[in-house]
Protein backbone atom coordinates (compact mmCIF):
# COMPACT_ATOMS: atom_id res chain seq x y z
CA MET A 1 0.00 0.00 0.00
CA ALA A 2 1.35 3.44 -0.95
CA GLU A 3 2.01 6.02 1.72
CA PHE A 4 0.69 9.49 1.08
CA LEU A 5 2.10 12.86 2.01
CA THR A 6 0.29 14.05 5.12
CA GLY A 7 0.41 17.06 7.33
CA THR A 8 -1.04 18.34 10.54
CA THR A 9 -3.35 21.29 10.99
CA ARG A 10 -2.61 23.98 13.53
CA GLY A 11 -5.14 22.25 15.77
CA GLY A 12 -3.24 18.96 15.56
CA GLN A 13 -5.59 17.12 13.18
CA SER A 14 -4.16 14.96 10.41
CA TRP A 15 -4.51 16.42 6.91
CA THR A 16 -3.72 14.92 3.50
CA PRO A 17 -3.23 17.53 0.77
CA LYS A 18 -4.97 16.85 -2.54
CA PHE A 19 -3.18 18.35 -5.51
CA VAL A 20 -4.81 19.66 -8.70
CA GLN A 21 -4.90 16.99 -11.40
CA SER A 22 -7.10 18.36 -14.17
CA ILE A 23 -9.88 20.72 -15.18
CA ASP A 24 -12.95 19.53 -17.07
CA GLN A 25 -12.77 22.10 -19.83
CA LYS A 26 -16.23 21.20 -21.14
CA GLN A 27 -17.72 22.24 -17.78
CA CYS A 28 -15.47 25.27 -17.20
CA ILE A 29 -17.11 28.66 -17.87
CA GLY A 30 -13.86 30.65 -17.62
CA CYS A 31 -15.04 32.84 -14.76
CA GLY A 32 -11.51 33.02 -13.32
CA ARG A 33 -12.48 32.53 -9.65
CA CYS A 34 -10.02 29.67 -9.28
CA PHE A 35 -7.25 31.74 -10.88
CA LYS A 36 -7.89 34.62 -8.48
CA VAL A 37 -7.86 32.46 -5.35
CA CYS A 38 -4.60 30.66 -6.21
CA GLY A 39 -1.53 32.67 -5.36
CA ARG A 40 0.85 29.97 -6.60
CA GLY A 41 0.49 30.37 -10.39
CA VAL A 42 -0.95 26.88 -10.83
CA LEU A 43 -3.77 27.85 -13.20
CA ASP A 44 -4.06 29.98 -16.32
CA MET A 45 -6.87 31.21 -18.54
CA ILE A 46 -6.78 30.34 -22.23
CA GLY A 47 -9.06 31.12 -25.13
CA LEU A 48 -10.58 28.71 -27.62
CA THR A 49 -11.54 29.62 -31.16
CA GLU A 50 -14.68 28.38 -32.87
CA ASP A 51 -12.55 25.54 -34.32
CA GLY A 52 -11.17 24.59 -30.89
CA ASP A 53 -7.71 26.10 -31.41
CA ILE A 54 -5.99 27.52 -28.32
CA VAL A 55 -5.34 31.27 -28.40
CA ASP A 56 -4.68 33.99 -25.86
CA ALA A 57 -7.75 34.40 -23.64
CA PHE A 58 -8.06 38.05 -24.63
CA ASP A 59 -7.53 37.54 -28.36
CA ASP A 60 -10.42 38.70 -30.56
CA GLU A 61 -10.58 35.19 -32.06
CA ALA A 62 -11.36 33.60 -28.67
CA GLU A 63 -14.95 32.42 -28.67
CA LYS A 64 -14.70 30.92 -25.19
CA LYS A 65 -12.42 31.35 -22.19
CA ILE A 66 -11.50 28.36 -20.03
CA MET A 67 -9.03 27.53 -17.30
CA THR A 68 -6.11 25.15 -17.66
CA VAL A 69 -3.46 23.71 -15.34
CA LYS A 70 -0.31 25.71 -16.09
CA GLU A 71 2.16 24.70 -13.32
CA ALA A 72 0.85 21.67 -11.42
CA ALA A 73 4.16 21.41 -9.56
CA ASN A 74 3.38 24.71 -7.78
CA CYS A 75 0.19 23.31 -6.20
CA ILE A 76 0.28 23.01 -2.38
CA GLY A 77 -2.89 20.89 -2.17
CA CYS A 78 -5.15 23.38 -0.40
CA GLU A 79 -8.07 22.82 -2.83
CA SER A 80 -9.10 26.49 -2.65
CA CYS A 81 -9.58 26.53 -6.41
CA SER A 82 -12.18 23.79 -6.36
CA LYS A 83 -13.94 25.30 -3.35
CA VAL A 84 -14.71 28.47 -5.33
CA CYS A 85 -15.57 26.67 -8.59
CA SER A 86 -19.32 26.89 -9.19
CA LYS A 87 -19.16 24.12 -11.83
CA SER A 88 -17.10 21.60 -9.79
CA CYS A 89 -14.78 21.01 -12.73
CA ILE A 90 -11.42 20.81 -10.94
CA ALA A 91 -10.14 17.35 -9.95
CA HIS A 92 -7.70 16.81 -7.07
CA ALA A 93 -5.92 13.75 -5.69
CA PRO A 94 -3.31 12.97 -3.03
CA VAL A 95 0.18 12.19 -4.29
CA ALA A 96 2.06 9.10 -3.18
CA ALA A 97 5.27 9.78 -1.26
């Protein structure tokens, strides 16, 4: 059985961080709440054209804005991004030590 990274809260309770794994881009509405709550640079907003090509989120060709995982290695496992996501499209999981 794999051991998982664990921590302890300030109150002494055991805590297992769950790190961002993916974003369901079909569910994402590109509101940016998750981006704003994460101070670690884990997420980024991208734009999609009508044909599904990735462009800058603020490009005139962008028909839709969605979030993507930019730097998963920066995630500290707090899950704040998924707590503010109204569409529940961010998946997290513990990482084996």
